Amino acid sequence: MSEPKKRKVAETLEDDAEPTAGTQNPEVTLSAEINQLRAETKFLKESLADLRNSIASKDKLVDALERMLDTANKEIERLRERQAKEKTPEDTRSLNERHINHTFNEAHARFYPNASTTKPK
């Protein structure tokens, strides 16, 4: 024997919800439809609020990214200007080289006080 096929719960509810001729009062049907429409309206309002919040947060993110891009562009421009300016010999020398030369000049001046300020060759 084969068992009869079980109906899904949704199908059962749909079958029960279908009005049969003369069994339901028209006011009850309208009331059920109104309740369903109210629930759908509430859901749509909540969805709309969620979408607005999402758009607002994305706008804030876009604004933050634009500010970061502006800052990066300004920094790039500043670095380009710095590289483009004419460098003096003092700018190109390393800090260590300047320190060594300064130390040499001090020692040279101490041992040769009457010598000129130029270094001997």
N, C-alpha and C. Protein backbone atom coordinates (compact mmCIF):
# COMPACT_ATOMS: atom_id res chain seq x y z
N MET A 1 0.82 -1.17 0.00
CA MET A 1 0.00 0.00 0.00
C MET A 1 0.87 1.24 0.00
N SER A 2 0.52 2.13 -0.81
CA SER A 2 1.26 3.39 -0.82
C SER A 2 0.52 4.39 0.05
N GLU A 3 1.34 5.16 0.77
CA GLU A 3 0.75 6.17 1.65
C GLU A 3 0.30 7.36 0.83
N PRO A 4 -0.78 8.02 1.24
CA PRO A 4 -1.20 9.22 0.52
C PRO A 4 -0.16 10.32 0.72
N LYS A 5 0.01 11.10 -0.30
CA LYS A 5 1.00 12.17 -0.27
C LYS A 5 0.55 13.25 0.71
N LYS A 6 1.49 13.62 1.63
CA LYS A 6 1.16 14.64 2.62
C LYS A 6 1.21 16.01 1.98
N ARG A 7 0.23 16.82 2.31
CA ARG A 7 0.19 18.19 1.79
C ARG A 7 1.04 19.08 2.68
N LYS A 8 1.65 20.04 2.06
CA LYS A 8 2.45 21.00 2.82
C LYS A 8 1.53 21.88 3.65
N VAL A 9 2.08 22.41 4.73
CA VAL A 9 1.31 23.26 5.62
C VAL A 9 0.84 24.51 4.90
N ALA A 10 1.70 25.08 4.05
CA ALA A 10 1.33 26.30 3.33
C ALA A 10 0.14 26.05 2.41
N GLU A 11 0.14 24.88 1.77
CA GLU A 11 -0.99 24.57 0.88
C GLU A 11 -2.27 24.44 1.69
N THR A 12 -2.16 23.87 2.88
CA THR A 12 -3.33 23.71 3.73
C THR A 12 -3.86 25.08 4.15
N LEU A 13 -2.94 25.97 4.53
CA LEU A 13 -3.38 27.30 4.95
C LEU A 13 -4.01 28.06 3.80
N GLU A 14 -3.43 27.91 2.60
CA GLU A 14 -4.00 28.59 1.44
C GLU A 14 -5.39 28.06 1.12
N ASP A 15 -5.54 26.75 1.24
CA ASP A 15 -6.84 26.17 0.96
C ASP A 15 -7.87 26.64 1.98
N ASP A 16 -7.44 26.75 3.24
CA ASP A 16 -8.36 27.20 4.28
C ASP A 16 -8.70 28.68 4.12
N ALA A 17 -7.76 29.46 3.58
CA ALA A 17 -7.96 30.89 3.45
C ALA A 17 -8.90 31.24 2.30
N GLU A 18 -9.03 30.32 1.35
CA GLU A 18 -9.90 30.61 0.20
C GLU A 18 -11.35 30.62 0.66
N PRO A 19 -12.02 31.70 0.37
CA PRO A 19 -13.43 31.77 0.82
C PRO A 19 -14.31 30.85 -0.04
N THR A 20 -15.17 30.20 0.62
CA THR A 20 -16.15 29.38 -0.10
C THR A 20 -17.42 30.20 -0.18
N ALA A 21 -18.22 29.86 -1.09
CA ALA A 21 -19.41 30.67 -1.36
C ALA A 21 -20.30 30.74 -0.12
N GLY A 22 -20.45 31.96 0.38
CA GLY A 22 -21.38 32.19 1.48
C GLY A 22 -20.89 31.79 2.85
N THR A 23 -19.64 31.33 3.01
CA THR A 23 -19.18 30.89 4.33
C THR A 23 -18.56 32.02 5.14
N GLN A 24 -18.00 33.06 4.47
CA GLN A 24 -17.36 34.15 5.21
C GLN A 24 -18.12 35.45 4.99
N ASN A 25 -18.10 36.24 6.02
CA ASN A 25 -18.71 37.55 5.98
C ASN A 25 -17.79 38.48 5.20
N PRO A 26 -18.29 39.34 4.32
CA PRO A 26 -17.43 40.24 3.56
C PRO A 26 -16.62 41.17 4.45
N GLU A 27 -17.15 41.54 5.62
CA GLU A 27 -16.41 42.41 6.53
C GLU A 27 -15.18 41.69 7.08
N VAL A 28 -15.29 40.40 7.35
CA VAL A 28 -14.16 39.62 7.86
C VAL A 28 -13.08 39.53 6.80
N THR A 29 -13.48 39.33 5.55
CA THR A 29 -12.53 39.26 4.45
C THR A 29 -11.80 40.59 4.29
N LEU A 30 -12.56 41.69 4.33
CA LEU A 30 -11.95 43.01 4.21
C LEU A 30 -11.02 43.28 5.39
N SER A 31 -11.40 42.89 6.57
CA SER A 31 -10.57 43.09 7.75
C SER A 31 -9.25 42.33 7.62
N ALA A 32 -9.31 41.12 7.12
CA ALA A 32 -8.08 40.32 6.93
C ALA A 32 -7.19 40.97 5.88
N GLU A 33 -7.79 41.45 4.80
CA GLU A 33 -7.01 42.11 3.75
C GLU A 33 -6.38 43.40 4.27
N ILE A 34 -7.14 44.14 5.07
CA ILE A 34 -6.62 45.39 5.64
C ILE A 34 -5.43 45.09 6.56
N ASN A 35 -5.56 44.06 7.38
CA ASN A 35 -4.46 43.68 8.27
C ASN A 35 -3.22 43.27 7.47
N GLN A 36 -3.44 42.53 6.40
CA GLN A 36 -2.32 42.12 5.56
C GLN A 36 -1.67 43.34 4.91
N LEU A 37 -2.48 44.26 4.41
CA LEU A 37 -1.93 45.48 3.80
C LEU A 37 -1.18 46.33 4.83
N ARG A 38 -1.69 46.39 6.05
CA ARG A 38 -0.98 47.13 7.10
C ARG A 38 0.38 46.50 7.40
N ALA A 39 0.41 45.18 7.45
CA ALA A 39 1.67 44.49 7.70
C ALA A 39 2.66 44.73 6.56
N GLU A 40 2.17 44.68 5.33
CA GLU A 40 3.04 44.95 4.18
C GLU A 40 3.53 46.39 4.19
N THR A 41 2.65 47.32 4.55
CA THR A 41 3.04 48.73 4.63
C THR A 41 4.11 48.93 5.69
N LYS A 42 3.94 48.30 6.84
CA LYS A 42 4.93 48.40 7.91
C LYS A 42 6.27 47.85 7.44
N PHE A 43 6.24 46.70 6.77
CA PHE A 43 7.47 46.09 6.26
C PHE A 43 8.15 47.02 5.25
N LEU A 44 7.36 47.61 4.36
CA LEU A 44 7.94 48.51 3.36
C LEU A 44 8.54 49.76 4.01
N LYS A 45 7.87 50.30 5.03
CA LYS A 45 8.41 51.47 5.74
C LYS A 45 9.73 51.12 6.42
N GLU A 46 9.80 49.94 7.05
CA GLU A 46 11.04 49.52 7.70
C GLU A 46 12.15 49.32 6.67
N SER A 47 11.79 48.73 5.53
CA SER A 47 12.78 48.53 4.47
C SER A 47 13.29 49.86 3.94
N LEU A 48 12.38 50.82 3.78
CA LEU A 48 12.76 52.15 3.31
C LEU A 48 13.69 52.84 4.31
N ALA A 49 13.39 52.70 5.59
CA ALA A 49 14.25 53.29 6.63
C ALA A 49 15.63 52.65 6.60
N ASP A 50 15.68 51.33 6.43
CA ASP A 50 16.97 50.64 6.33
C ASP A 50 17.77 51.12 5.13
N LEU A 51 17.08 51.29 4.00
CA LEU A 51 17.76 51.77 2.79
C LEU A 51 18.29 53.19 2.98
N ARG A 52 17.50 54.04 3.62
CA ARG A 52 17.96 55.42 3.87
C ARG A 52 19.18 55.43 4.78
N ASN A 53 19.17 54.59 5.82
CA ASN A 53 20.33 54.50 6.72
C ASN A 53 21.55 53.99 5.97
N SER A 54 21.34 53.02 5.11
CA SER A 54 22.45 52.47 4.33
C SER A 54 23.04 53.52 3.40
N ILE A 55 22.17 54.28 2.75
CA ILE A 55 22.63 55.34 1.84
C ILE A 55 23.39 56.40 2.63
N ALA A 56 22.88 56.76 3.80
CA ALA A 56 23.55 57.77 4.63
C ALA A 56 24.94 57.31 5.05
N SER A 57 25.06 56.04 5.45
CA SER A 57 26.37 55.54 5.86
C SER A 57 27.32 55.46 4.67
N LYS A 58 26.80 55.12 3.51
CA LYS A 58 27.65 55.08 2.31
C LYS A 58 28.09 56.49 1.92
N ASP A 59 27.20 57.47 2.08
CA ASP A 59 27.57 58.86 1.80
C ASP A 59 28.70 59.32 2.73
N LYS A 60 28.60 58.94 4.01
CA LYS A 60 29.66 59.29 4.95
C LYS A 60 30.97 58.64 4.54
N LEU A 61 30.90 57.39 4.11
CA LEU A 61 32.10 56.68 3.68
C LEU A 61 32.71 57.34 2.46
N VAL A 62 31.88 57.72 1.50
CA VAL A 62 32.37 58.40 0.29
C VAL A 62 33.03 59.72 0.66
N ASP A 63 32.41 60.48 1.58
CA ASP A 63 33.00 61.75 2.02
C ASP A 63 34.36 61.53 2.66
N ALA A 64 34.46 60.52 3.50
CA ALA A 64 35.74 60.23 4.16
C ALA A 64 36.80 59.84 3.13
N LEU A 65 36.41 59.03 2.16
CA LEU A 65 37.36 58.62 1.12
C LEU A 65 37.79 59.81 0.27
N GLU A 66 36.87 60.72 -0.02
CA GLU A 66 37.24 61.92 -0.78
C GLU A 66 38.21 62.79 -0.01
N ARG A 67 38.00 62.92 1.31
CA ARG A 67 38.94 63.70 2.13
C ARG A 67 40.32 63.04 2.14
N MET A 68 40.34 61.71 2.23
CA MET A 68 41.62 61.00 2.21
C MET A 68 42.33 61.19 0.88
N LEU A 69 41.58 61.15 -0.21
CA LEU A 69 42.16 61.35 -1.54
C LEU A 69 42.71 62.76 -1.67
N ASP A 70 41.97 63.76 -1.19
CA ASP A 70 42.46 65.14 -1.23
C ASP A 70 43.76 65.29 -0.44
N THR A 71 43.79 64.68 0.74
CA THR A 71 45.00 64.74 1.57
C THR A 71 46.17 64.07 0.86
N ALA A 72 45.93 62.92 0.25
CA ALA A 72 47.00 62.21 -0.47
C ALA A 72 47.49 63.03 -1.65
N ASN A 73 46.56 63.65 -2.39
CA ASN A 73 46.96 64.48 -3.53
C ASN A 73 47.79 65.69 -3.08
N LYS A 74 47.41 66.30 -1.97
CA LYS A 74 48.18 67.43 -1.45
C LYS A 74 49.58 66.99 -1.04
N GLU A 75 49.67 65.83 -0.42
CA GLU A 75 50.98 65.30 0.00
C GLU A 75 51.85 64.98 -1.21
N ILE A 76 51.25 64.41 -2.25
CA ILE A 76 52.00 64.12 -3.48
C ILE A 76 52.50 65.41 -4.10
N GLU A 77 51.65 66.42 -4.15
CA GLU A 77 52.05 67.71 -4.72
C GLU A 77 53.18 68.34 -3.90
N ARG A 78 53.06 68.25 -2.58
CA ARG A 78 54.11 68.79 -1.72
C ARG A 78 55.44 68.08 -1.95
N LEU A 79 55.40 66.76 -2.09
CA LEU A 79 56.63 66.00 -2.34
C LEU A 79 57.22 66.34 -3.70
N ARG A 80 56.37 66.52 -4.70
CA ARG A 80 56.86 66.89 -6.04
C ARG A 80 57.54 68.26 -6.01
N GLU A 81 56.93 69.21 -5.30
CA GLU A 81 57.53 70.54 -5.20
C GLU A 81 58.87 70.47 -4.47
N ARG A 82 58.92 69.65 -3.46
CA ARG A 82 60.16 69.51 -2.70
C ARG A 82 61.26 68.91 -3.56
N GLN A 83 60.92 67.93 -4.38
CA GLN A 83 61.91 67.30 -5.25
C GLN A 83 62.30 68.22 -6.40
N ALA A 84 61.38 69.07 -6.82
CA ALA A 84 61.64 69.92 -7.98
C ALA A 84 62.49 71.14 -7.63
N LYS A 85 62.47 71.55 -6.36
CA LYS A 85 63.24 72.75 -6.02
C LYS A 85 64.73 72.47 -6.21
N GLU A 86 65.44 73.52 -6.54
CA GLU A 86 66.87 73.38 -6.79
C GLU A 86 67.57 73.09 -5.47
N LYS A 87 68.38 72.06 -5.48
CA LYS A 87 69.06 71.67 -4.25
C LYS A 87 70.41 72.36 -4.17
N THR A 88 70.71 72.85 -3.00
CA THR A 88 72.02 73.45 -2.76
C THR A 88 72.97 72.35 -2.32
N PRO A 89 74.27 72.58 -2.43
CA PRO A 89 75.20 71.54 -1.98
C PRO A 89 74.97 71.17 -0.52
N GLU A 90 74.56 72.14 0.28
CA GLU A 90 74.30 71.86 1.70
C GLU A 90 73.12 70.89 1.86
N ASP A 91 72.12 71.01 0.99
CA ASP A 91 70.95 70.13 1.05
C ASP A 91 71.31 68.71 0.68
N THR A 92 72.26 68.54 -0.23
CA THR A 92 72.57 67.20 -0.73
C THR A 92 73.51 66.44 0.18
N ARG A 93 74.21 67.15 1.02
CA ARG A 93 75.14 66.47 1.91
C ARG A 93 74.39 65.77 3.03
N SER A 94 74.91 64.64 3.40
CA SER A 94 74.25 63.91 4.48
C SER A 94 74.57 64.56 5.81
N LEU A 95 73.77 64.26 6.78
CA LEU A 95 73.97 64.80 8.12
C LEU A 95 75.32 64.33 8.67
N ASN A 96 75.66 63.09 8.42
CA ASN A 96 76.93 62.55 8.89
C ASN A 96 78.11 63.29 8.26
N GLU A 97 78.02 63.54 6.96
CA GLU A 97 79.09 64.25 6.26
C GLU A 97 79.24 65.67 6.82
N ARG A 98 78.13 66.32 7.09
CA ARG A 98 78.20 67.67 7.66
C ARG A 98 78.83 67.66 9.05
N HIS A 99 78.51 66.64 9.83
CA HIS A 99 79.09 66.52 11.17
C HIS A 99 80.60 66.31 11.09
N ILE A 100 81.03 65.44 10.19
CA ILE A 100 82.47 65.18 10.02
C ILE A 100 83.19 66.45 9.59
N ASN A 101 82.63 67.17 8.64
CA ASN A 101 83.26 68.41 8.18
C ASN A 101 83.32 69.46 9.29
N HIS A 102 82.26 69.54 10.08
CA HIS A 102 82.24 70.50 11.18
C HIS A 102 83.32 70.15 12.22
N THR A 103 83.43 68.87 12.54
CA THR A 103 84.45 68.42 13.50
C THR A 103 85.85 68.72 12.96
N PHE A 104 86.06 68.45 11.68
CA PHE A 104 87.36 68.73 11.07
C PHE A 104 87.67 70.21 11.14
N ASN A 105 86.70 71.05 10.82
CA ASN A 105 86.91 72.50 10.86
C ASN A 105 87.26 72.98 12.26
N GLU A 106 86.58 72.44 13.27
CA GLU A 106 86.89 72.83 14.65
C GLU A 106 88.31 72.41 15.03
N ALA A 107 88.68 71.18 14.69
CA ALA A 107 90.03 70.70 15.02
C ALA A 107 91.08 71.50 14.27
N HIS A 108 90.83 71.76 13.02
CA HIS A 108 91.78 72.53 12.20
C HIS A 108 91.95 73.93 12.78
N ALA A 109 90.86 74.55 13.22
CA ALA A 109 90.94 75.89 13.79
C ALA A 109 91.69 75.88 15.11
N ARG A 110 91.57 74.80 15.87
CA ARG A 110 92.26 74.72 17.16
C ARG A 110 93.77 74.60 16.96
N PHE A 111 94.18 73.76 16.00
CA PHE A 111 95.61 73.54 15.78
C PHE A 111 96.25 74.62 14.91
N TYR A 112 95.49 75.22 14.05
CA TYR A 112 96.00 76.27 13.17
C TYR A 112 95.14 77.53 13.33
N PRO A 113 95.29 78.25 14.45
CA PRO A 113 94.42 79.39 14.69
C PRO A 113 94.60 80.52 13.70
N ASN A 114 95.77 80.67 13.11
CA ASN A 114 96.01 81.77 12.18
C ASN A 114 95.69 81.39 10.73
N ALA A 115 95.29 80.15 10.51
CA ALA A 115 95.02 79.71 9.14
C ALA A 115 93.69 80.27 8.66
N SER A 116 93.56 80.32 7.36
CA SER A 116 92.29 80.80 6.81
C SER A 116 91.21 79.77 7.09
N THR A 117 89.98 80.16 6.88
CA THR A 117 88.86 79.26 7.17
C THR A 117 88.68 78.19 6.11
N THR A 118 89.43 78.27 5.01
CA THR A 118 89.32 77.24 3.98
C THR A 118 90.17 76.06 4.37
N LYS A 119 89.79 74.90 3.91
CA LYS A 119 90.50 73.67 4.24
C LYS A 119 91.76 73.56 3.39
N PRO A 120 92.81 72.98 3.95
CA PRO A 120 94.00 72.74 3.13
C PRO A 120 93.74 71.63 2.14
N LYS A 121 94.46 71.73 1.01
CA LYS A 121 94.25 70.71 -0.02
C LYS A 121 95.35 69.69 0.02
